[in-house]
Protein backbone atom coordinates (compact mmCIF):
# COMPACT_ATOMS: atom_id res chain seq x y z
CA MET A 1 17.64 12.04 -9.76
CA MET A 2 15.19 12.50 -12.57
CA GLN A 3 12.34 14.81 -11.58
CA PRO A 4 8.73 13.64 -12.04
CA THR A 5 6.82 14.93 -15.04
CA GLU A 6 3.03 15.41 -15.30
CA SER A 7 2.66 12.85 -18.03
CA ARG A 8 4.64 10.74 -20.41
CA THR A 9 6.45 12.56 -23.18
CA ARG A 10 6.33 11.73 -26.95
CA ASP A 11 9.29 13.76 -28.16
CA GLY A 12 12.14 11.48 -27.39
CA GLY A 13 12.51 12.95 -23.84
CA LEU A 14 11.24 11.17 -20.74
CA LEU A 15 8.74 8.30 -20.73
CA ARG A 16 6.69 7.66 -17.60
CA VAL A 17 6.75 3.90 -16.89
CA ARG A 18 4.38 2.12 -14.51
CA LEU A 19 5.72 -0.78 -12.52
CA ASP A 20 3.57 -3.30 -10.60
CA VAL A 21 5.43 -4.63 -7.57
CA ALA A 22 5.14 -7.43 -5.07
CA TYR A 23 7.38 -7.90 -2.06
CA ASP A 24 7.76 -9.74 1.26
CA GLY A 25 8.34 -6.88 3.71
CA THR A 26 9.95 -8.98 6.46
CA ASP A 27 13.54 -7.99 5.83
CA PHE A 28 12.84 -4.45 4.46
CA SER A 29 12.77 -1.27 6.57
CA GLY A 30 9.61 -0.27 4.69
CA TRP A 31 9.19 1.21 1.27
CA ALA A 32 10.87 4.58 1.48
CA ARG A 33 14.55 5.02 0.90
CA GLN A 34 16.55 5.57 4.09
CA PRO A 35 20.28 6.02 4.51
CA GLY A 36 22.00 2.76 5.75
CA ARG A 37 18.60 0.80 5.65
CA ARG A 38 17.49 -1.88 3.23
CA THR A 39 14.29 -0.61 1.65
CA VAL A 40 12.09 -1.57 -1.20
CA GLN A 41 12.56 1.68 -3.00
CA GLY A 42 16.24 1.61 -2.58
CA VAL A 43 16.57 -1.93 -3.94
CA LEU A 44 14.36 -1.25 -6.87
CA GLU A 45 16.07 2.00 -7.89
CA GLU A 46 19.44 0.37 -7.70
CA ALA A 47 18.26 -2.46 -9.94
CA LEU A 48 16.71 -0.05 -12.45
CA GLY A 49 19.95 1.94 -12.60
CA MET A 50 21.95 -1.16 -13.31
CA ILE A 51 19.69 -2.16 -16.21
CA LEU A 52 19.28 1.27 -17.65
CA ARG A 53 23.00 2.06 -17.22
CA SER A 54 22.17 5.44 -15.88
CA GLU A 55 21.67 7.27 -12.69
CA SER A 56 18.89 5.46 -10.78
CA PRO A 57 15.43 7.00 -11.70
CA GLN A 58 13.41 8.09 -8.73
CA LEU A 59 10.27 5.99 -7.95
CA THR A 60 6.99 7.47 -6.94
CA VAL A 61 4.75 4.93 -5.15
CA ALA A 62 0.98 4.53 -4.67
CA GLY A 63 1.31 4.06 -0.94
CA ARG A 64 4.44 3.83 1.29
CA THR A 65 4.33 0.72 3.45
CA ASP A 66 5.89 0.47 6.89
CA ALA A 67 8.74 -1.92 7.91
CA GLY A 68 7.43 -5.46 7.90
CA VAL A 69 4.31 -4.73 5.72
CA HIS A 70 4.00 -6.73 2.53
CA ALA A 71 2.54 -6.01 -0.97
CA ARG A 72 1.01 -8.07 -3.68
CA GLY A 73 -0.28 -5.18 -5.74
CA GLN A 74 1.85 -2.18 -5.19
CA VAL A 75 2.19 0.36 -8.03
CA CYS A 76 4.97 2.89 -8.68
CA HIS A 77 6.16 4.93 -11.53
CA ALA A 78 9.49 6.18 -12.80
CA ASP A 79 10.44 8.76 -15.56
CA ILE A 80 12.93 7.18 -17.87
CA ALA A 81 14.86 8.55 -20.81
CA SER A 82 13.32 7.32 -24.00
CA SER A 83 16.68 6.16 -25.37
CA ALA A 84 17.32 4.15 -22.31
CA TRP A 85 13.85 2.52 -22.49
CA GLN A 86 14.36 1.55 -26.06
CA ALA A 87 17.74 0.04 -25.31
CA VAL A 88 16.33 -2.32 -22.54
CA PRO A 89 15.73 -5.33 -24.89
CA GLY A 90 19.35 -5.28 -26.11
CA ARG A 91 19.62 -7.78 -28.86
CA SER A 92 16.44 -9.62 -27.96
CA SER A 93 13.22 -9.36 -29.94
CA ARG A 94 11.18 -8.62 -26.76
CA ARG A 95 9.33 -5.39 -26.26
CA PRO A 96 10.90 -3.06 -23.63
CA GLU A 97 8.09 -3.82 -21.20
CA GLN A 98 8.69 -7.64 -21.46
CA ALA A 99 12.49 -7.19 -21.42
CA LEU A 100 12.48 -4.99 -18.25
CA VAL A 101 10.40 -7.43 -16.33
CA ARG A 102 12.61 -10.36 -17.28
CA ARG A 103 15.96 -8.54 -16.71
CA LEU A 104 14.70 -7.21 -13.20
CA ALA A 105 13.99 -10.79 -12.22
CA GLY A 106 17.60 -11.54 -12.83
CA VAL A 107 19.03 -8.78 -10.56
CA LEU A 108 16.39 -8.31 -7.89
CA PRO A 109 16.59 -10.23 -4.58
CA ASP A 110 13.98 -13.02 -4.08
CA ASP A 111 11.83 -10.99 -1.75
CA VAL A 112 10.81 -8.33 -4.35
CA ARG A 113 9.45 -8.72 -7.87
CA VAL A 114 8.24 -6.45 -10.58
CA THR A 115 5.29 -8.35 -12.04
CA ALA A 116 4.49 -5.96 -14.89
CA ALA A 117 5.93 -2.85 -16.68
CA SER A 118 4.13 -0.51 -19.05
CA ILE A 119 4.16 2.93 -20.54
CA ALA A 120 1.77 4.97 -18.43
CA PRO A 121 -1.13 6.75 -19.94
CA ALA A 122 -0.89 10.61 -20.16
CA GLY A 123 -1.67 12.13 -16.71
CA PHE A 124 -0.85 9.02 -14.72
CA ASP A 125 0.68 9.51 -11.36
CA ALA A 126 1.14 6.36 -9.21
CA ARG A 127 0.37 8.19 -6.03
CA PHE A 128 -2.02 11.06 -6.88
CA SER A 129 -4.13 9.32 -9.64
CA ALA A 130 -5.07 6.46 -7.39
CA THR A 131 -8.67 6.39 -6.23
CA TRP A 132 -8.42 3.55 -3.72
CA ARG A 133 -6.09 1.22 -1.93
CA ARG A 134 -7.03 -2.22 -0.66
CA TYR A 135 -5.24 -4.09 2.15
CA VAL A 136 -5.90 -7.39 3.88
CA TYR A 137 -4.84 -8.10 7.53
CA ARG A 138 -4.61 -11.81 8.37
CA VAL A 139 -5.03 -13.32 11.81
CA SER A 140 -5.09 -16.90 13.23
CA ASP A 141 -7.17 -17.48 16.36
CA ARG A 142 -6.62 -21.23 16.25
CA PRO A 143 -5.51 -22.88 19.56
CA TYR A 144 -2.21 -23.96 18.10
CA GLY A 145 -1.40 -20.55 16.63
CA VAL A 146 -0.15 -19.89 13.11
CA ASP A 147 0.74 -22.44 10.37
CA PRO A 148 4.50 -22.25 10.33
CA LEU A 149 4.58 -21.91 6.52
CA VAL A 150 2.65 -18.56 6.71
CA ARG A 151 3.97 -17.23 10.03
CA SER A 152 5.55 -14.15 8.42
CA HIS A 153 2.27 -13.08 7.00
CA VAL A 154 -0.34 -13.99 9.71
CA LEU A 155 -0.70 -12.60 13.22
CA ARG A 156 -1.35 -15.08 16.16
CA HIS A 157 -4.25 -14.00 18.30
CA ASP A 158 -4.65 -16.26 21.45
CA ARG A 159 -8.41 -15.66 21.99
CA PRO A 160 -11.30 -16.85 19.76
CA LEU A 161 -12.77 -14.12 17.51
CA ASP A 162 -16.35 -13.30 16.90
CA LEU A 163 -16.48 -12.06 13.34
CA GLU A 164 -20.10 -10.99 13.55
CA ALA A 165 -19.26 -8.65 16.33
CA MET A 166 -16.17 -7.40 14.39
CA ASN A 167 -18.22 -6.70 11.32
CA ALA A 168 -20.91 -4.84 13.39
CA ALA A 169 -18.22 -2.66 14.88
CA ALA A 170 -16.59 -1.96 11.52
CA VAL A 171 -19.75 -0.45 10.15
CA GLY A 172 -19.24 2.46 12.59
CA LEU A 173 -15.97 3.40 10.87
CA LEU A 174 -17.21 3.43 7.25
CA GLY A 175 -17.51 6.70 5.46
CA GLU A 176 -15.50 9.93 5.41
CA HIS A 177 -14.16 10.99 8.72
CA ASP A 178 -11.26 12.52 10.47
CA PHE A 179 -9.41 9.42 11.55
CA ALA A 180 -7.06 11.18 13.87
CA ALA A 181 -7.95 8.76 16.63
CA TYR A 182 -6.38 5.96 14.53
CA CYS A 183 -3.45 7.79 12.86
CA ARG A 184 0.02 8.77 13.97
CA ALA A 185 0.01 12.53 13.47
CA ARG A 186 2.37 14.08 10.85
CA GLU A 187 2.86 17.79 10.59
CA GLY A 188 0.94 19.39 7.73
CA ALA A 189 -0.92 16.11 6.77
CA THR A 190 -4.59 15.71 6.88
CA THR A 191 -6.15 12.69 8.71
CA ILE A 192 -9.51 12.94 6.85
CA ARG A 193 -10.01 9.75 4.83
CA ALA A 194 -13.05 7.94 3.10
CA LEU A 195 -13.24 4.36 4.32
CA ARG A 196 -15.04 2.55 1.58
CA ALA A 197 -14.98 -1.04 2.92
CA LEU A 198 -13.99 -2.88 6.06
CA HIS A 199 -15.20 -6.44 6.60
CA TRP A 200 -13.88 -9.78 8.04
CA GLU A 201 -14.28 -13.34 6.87
CA ARG A 202 -12.62 -16.65 7.63
CA ASN A 203 -10.92 -18.31 4.63
CA LEU A 204 -10.87 -22.03 3.82
CA ASP A 205 -7.71 -22.46 5.91
CA GLY A 206 -9.41 -20.92 8.97
CA VAL A 207 -7.34 -17.74 8.80
CA VAL A 208 -9.37 -14.56 9.68
CA CYS A 209 -8.93 -11.95 6.91
CA GLY A 210 -9.86 -8.27 7.34
CA THR A 211 -10.23 -6.44 4.11
CA VAL A 212 -10.04 -2.70 4.29
CA GLU A 213 -10.36 -0.24 1.38
CA ALA A 214 -10.13 3.52 1.34
CA ASP A 215 -9.16 6.39 -0.94
CA ALA A 216 -5.91 6.65 1.07
CA PHE A 217 -4.63 5.77 4.53
CA CYS A 218 -2.67 7.78 7.02
CA HIS A 219 0.19 6.42 9.04
CA ASN A 220 -0.69 3.37 11.18
CA GLN A 221 -4.42 3.76 10.39
CA VAL A 222 -5.11 0.29 9.20
CA ARG A 223 -3.17 -1.43 12.02
CA ALA A 224 -4.78 0.70 14.68
CA MET A 225 -8.33 -0.04 13.25
CA VAL A 226 -7.52 -3.78 13.26
CA GLY A 227 -6.27 -3.51 16.82
CA ALA A 228 -9.56 -1.98 17.93
CA LEU A 229 -11.65 -4.47 16.06
CA LEU A 230 -9.74 -7.46 17.46
CA SER A 231 -10.52 -6.21 21.02
CA VAL A 232 -14.25 -6.29 19.94
CA GLY A 233 -13.81 -9.76 18.42
CA ASP A 234 -12.41 -11.38 21.52
CA GLY A 235 -14.94 -9.69 23.83
CA ARG A 236 -12.66 -7.15 25.60
CA ARG A 237 -14.61 -4.19 24.12
CA ARG A 238 -18.20 -3.37 23.19
CA VAL A 239 -19.30 -3.31 19.54
CA ASP A 240 -19.70 0.44 19.66
CA TRP A 241 -16.35 1.12 21.12
CA PRO A 242 -14.33 1.66 17.80
CA ALA A 243 -16.85 4.26 16.60
CA THR A 244 -16.75 6.01 19.90
CA VAL A 245 -12.88 6.29 19.76
CA LEU A 246 -13.24 7.66 16.19
CA SER A 247 -15.64 10.41 17.29
CA ARG A 248 -13.04 11.72 19.82
CA ARG A 249 -10.58 12.61 17.07
CA SER A 250 -7.53 12.11 19.22
CA ARG A 251 -5.35 9.10 19.90
CA ASP A 252 -6.56 6.67 22.54
CA SER A 253 -3.89 4.76 24.42
CA ALA A 254 -6.27 1.83 24.69
CA VAL A 255 -6.07 1.27 20.94
CA VAL A 256 -3.29 -1.20 20.22
CA VAL A 257 -1.48 -0.88 16.89
CA VAL A 258 -1.03 -4.53 15.78
CA PRO A 259 2.29 -5.81 14.33
CA PRO A 260 3.04 -5.00 10.70
CA HIS A 261 3.65 -8.56 9.42
CA GLY A 262 -0.07 -9.50 9.14
CA LEU A 263 -0.75 -6.65 6.71
CA THR A 264 -0.49 -6.83 2.89
CA LEU A 265 -1.20 -4.27 0.26
CA GLU A 266 -3.41 -6.15 -2.16
CA GLN A 267 -4.48 -3.77 -4.92
CA VAL A 268 -4.47 -0.10 -6.00
CA GLY A 269 -7.35 1.34 -8.09
CA TYR A 270 -7.23 3.96 -10.77
CA PRO A 271 -9.91 5.74 -12.86
CA PRO A 272 -10.26 5.52 -16.60
CA ASP A 273 -7.27 7.00 -18.51
CA ALA A 274 -9.13 10.10 -19.42
CA GLN A 275 -9.64 10.99 -15.74
CA LEU A 276 -6.14 10.33 -14.47
CA ALA A 277 -4.86 13.92 -14.65
CA GLU A 278 -8.01 15.31 -13.08
CA GLN A 279 -7.85 12.74 -10.25
CA ALA A 280 -4.28 13.70 -9.56
CA ARG A 281 -5.20 17.37 -9.28
CA ARG A 282 -8.15 16.56 -7.01
CA THR A 283 -6.04 14.47 -4.71
CA ARG A 284 -3.44 17.16 -4.20
CA ARG A 285 -6.01 19.43 -2.60
CA VAL A 286 -6.10 19.57 1.19
CA ARG A 287 -9.34 18.08 2.40
CA THR A 288 -11.57 19.35 5.08
CA LEU A 289 -14.81 17.90 6.52
CA PRO A 290 -18.07 19.87 5.94
CA PRO A 291 -19.33 21.71 9.02
CA GLY A 292 -21.81 20.19 11.33
């Protein structure tokens, strides 16, 4: 595998290429490559290897998604030999960026698309340069359930939801906290996150949409927070309960992690080009909360 570099090169060596990706996660075992499993990373890397006629480049992603989770605005990067990049158009007059998107459309399965490709600015890292990720969780509380045409992207909830109560409860989760109560623990990984936004609204089709944005998310965080807020929305829990759970800093068995299919990664944000490298260095530091 090609090893990641700090920035794109200009001397005929490796070029860092940014890919914007969308996928339906229904039939994938998540983003990350796994032996014997169909994953988004595995499918994309195989397709890139076919087009570049080389060993498949390793992809670095903005945020790994779990099995069943979808993405509309995923971002990843690969370090590609300059000669292979220049050869992508073949005999066509298209730029390599345009040619790569078109050629990938011809070899990728229908449930994953590369929507854009570009040479990344110096200092860009799809994961560590990101400043925020935005997800939307979609729920239907209609008596008949979920519109069959969107059943793989919307959760059925069999009780009416009070969005005013859910939004009031969400306020107690905003800010920088240790979200250990809502995360599946991973050895050596911090659970401190800065939650920038969390709000609920009903769209024109009557689907309840929860938009959540943070600098990053730990494993299962979004789905656990959604589970807690749904229990407030249907009247099973008090408005202050999600914040009380957060303050305990330990997993609460009463918090239900909702199914993955209602969740979609919508967008990843990055700072101006001049700040990409510094943002990557800042993100790599292990965070702690101030005392008090």
